[in-house]
Amino acid sequence: MKNESSGIVMDKLERRRQLGRFLRECRERLSPPDAGLPMTRRRRTPGLRREEVAMLADISTTYYTKIEQGRVDVSERALYTIAAALRLNHTERNYAAALASGRSVAAATAVEEQVSPALRLFLDLQNPYPAQVMGRCWDFLAWNEATCAALGDLGAMPPQMRNLMVMLFTQPQMRRTIGNWEANARNTLAEFRADVGKYHNDPRFGELVAFLMEESPYFEAWWTEEYSVGSVAEFEKIIIHPSAGELRTVETVFTVNDNPGQRVLLFLPLDELTRQKLQQLYEAHVRDSCALEAPEQEPSAALPEALLEEEALTAVL
C-alpha cells in the first residue's frame, strides 16, 4: 500500500487512516472544560469521548467513530464542524482538509527550486545574521556568509545531506550544536508533518520520511507515537558555537510570495552579547575567506635589481 511511512505517496485508504489517527490524537488532548463541557468524575480515556465530539460537531456518534477508524470518507461540512469541536488551529485544519479531500499540491518543478537574484541579495543584506532559503522538501537552496560563520558551511556538505530534517535528525553533532535540541526538533517535526499532508502526492516527501524512519530513532518514535501538526513562525534557538559559545537567537520563518514552496529562515540575536558575537564571527569569516582568495605575489627575483634594492631599503625602514 502506498503510504507516507513506506516512502511512497498515500492512497485513499491511507489518507483515511492518517486522518482518523490525527483526529483521535486531537480529541485525546482536549479536556472537557476546554471544549465547554463539564468535567465528570469518572473518565476512562484522556480528553473527550467520541460521543462528546459528535455532539459538539452535530453529527452521529456512529459516523464520527467510523471517521476515526478510517472506514468512511468525511464530508466537507462534517470536517468543518469536527475541526471547530476539536479547536483545531489554521495549520491543523488545512492538514485535515488535505487528507480528507485528497487534493495535493503538485510536485515542485525545477524552476520552483531556483532562488531568484533578488532573494539572494536579500540574504546577503542580512549579514551578519544567518539567513537561508529552504525549498519545498526542506532542502537548503541558498544561504549567506553569516550562515557559514555561525552554523557551518552548507556548501561543503553533500547535496543529499543539505536538508533541514536530515541534518536535525541524523547528524549527532546537531544535538550538541543546538542547545534546546529536543524542543526544536519536536516543533520542526510538527511543521514537517503539516507539509507531508499538504504535499501527500509528492513522492519525495515519502522518500524522505522513509529515510528518516530508518536513520533516526528519535524521528521514528515521535513520528509513529505522537501526532503533532503545527506551524511556528518564531522559535527560540540556542546555538552552541565551538569558539563563540552560546548564541541566543530567535528563528523567524516566512514564505516567499511569488514562490510559496520556498521559505526564508532568519536568525536574529536575542541579546546584545549574541549580536556582538555574530558580528565578530561574520567579520572573522570574511577575513579568512579574503585571505584564502588573495592572489599570490610574483617572485621578487623577476624584478630589476634597482627595484630589489629599493624594496630591501623599504623593509628596513
Foldseek 3Di string as FASTA:
>chain_A
DADLQQLAFDDLLRLLQLLLCLLVQLQQVAAQVNLVHDDDDDDPGHHDDLCQLCVQLVHHSVVSVCSNNSNDQDDPSSLVSSCVSSVPDPLRSLLSVLSRVVDADDDDDPVLLADDPVVQVVQQVQPLWKKFKAFLLQATRDIYLNCCLQPNDLVVDPRVCRGPLNCLFQPVCNPVFWVPSVVVNLQVVQQLSSSCSRHSNHSNSSNVSNVSCVRGPVSVCCVPVHHHHDDDQKDWTWGQGPPLGTFIWIWGKDADVVNRRMIMIITHGPDPSNVVSSNVSSVVSVVVVCVVVDDDDDDPVVDDPVVVVVVVVVVVD
